[in-house]
Amino acid sequence: MSLVKTWYTPEAAADKFGIQLGKLMEWVSEGLVRAEREGEKVVRVNIDDVRIEVETLVGGS
């Protein structure tokens, strides 16, 4: 069992990494970040996926 929280609300994930919520939602819509939905609304995102995208964005890769 993982002791690390891996699913965050989109707002909490954006705050954690200092990115705009719109950018995060763009990654979700492109399939780069896994998300859990309730109906059409994204309620949780995978923080590991977000971390990878932020590292790519910052690293320029």
Protein backbone atom coordinates (compact mmCIF):
# COMPACT_ATOMS: atom_id res chain seq x y z
CA MET A 1 0.00 0.00 0.00
CA SER A 2 1.37 3.39 -0.99
CA LEU A 3 1.87 5.92 1.77
CA VAL A 4 2.18 8.76 -0.72
CA LYS A 5 -0.90 10.60 -1.92
CA THR A 6 -1.06 10.20 -5.69
CA TRP A 7 -4.41 11.76 -6.60
CA TYR A 8 -5.09 15.45 -6.01
CA THR A 9 -7.88 17.81 -6.95
CA PRO A 10 -6.90 19.79 -10.04
CA GLU A 11 -6.73 22.98 -7.97
CA ALA A 12 -4.45 21.42 -5.34
CA ALA A 13 -2.16 19.94 -8.00
CA ALA A 14 -1.87 23.28 -9.81
CA ASP A 15 -1.09 25.03 -6.50
CA LYS A 16 1.46 22.39 -5.52
CA PHE A 17 3.51 22.99 -8.66
CA GLY A 18 2.72 26.67 -9.19
CA ILE A 19 1.13 26.16 -12.59
CA GLN A 20 -2.06 27.58 -14.02
CA LEU A 21 -5.14 25.41 -13.73
CA GLY A 22 -5.79 25.92 -17.45
CA LYS A 23 -2.40 24.41 -18.32
CA LEU A 24 -3.12 21.38 -16.14
CA MET A 25 -6.52 20.88 -17.73
CA GLU A 26 -4.89 21.14 -21.17
CA TRP A 27 -2.57 18.26 -20.20
CA VAL A 28 -5.60 16.26 -19.04
CA SER A 29 -7.45 16.87 -22.31
CA GLU A 30 -4.35 15.85 -24.29
CA GLY A 31 -4.13 12.60 -22.31
CA LEU A 32 -0.78 13.50 -20.72
CA VAL A 33 -2.18 13.48 -17.19
CA ARG A 34 -4.52 10.76 -15.96
CA ALA A 35 -7.71 12.03 -14.38
CA GLU A 36 -10.74 10.73 -12.54
CA ARG A 37 -14.04 12.24 -13.59
CA GLU A 38 -17.49 12.53 -12.15
CA GLY A 39 -19.62 13.02 -15.21
CA GLU A 40 -17.83 15.60 -17.33
CA LYS A 41 -16.01 17.22 -14.38
CA VAL A 42 -12.38 16.34 -13.60
CA VAL A 43 -12.27 15.74 -9.84
CA ARG A 44 -8.78 14.24 -9.36
CA VAL A 45 -5.52 14.14 -11.29
CA ASN A 46 -2.52 11.87 -10.92
CA ILE A 47 0.26 13.88 -9.29
CA ASP A 48 3.02 11.70 -10.74
CA ASP A 49 1.82 12.53 -14.26
CA VAL A 50 1.67 16.23 -13.35
CA ARG A 51 5.22 16.07 -11.99
CA ILE A 52 6.50 14.56 -15.26
CA GLU A 53 4.82 17.28 -17.33
CA VAL A 54 6.16 20.06 -15.08
CA GLU A 55 9.68 18.61 -15.32
CA THR A 56 9.35 18.47 -19.10
CA LEU A 57 8.07 22.06 -19.18
CA VAL A 58 10.86 23.36 -16.94
CA GLY A 59 13.58 21.22 -18.51
CA GLY A 60 12.58 22.18 -22.03
CA SER A 61 12.62 18.55 -23.16
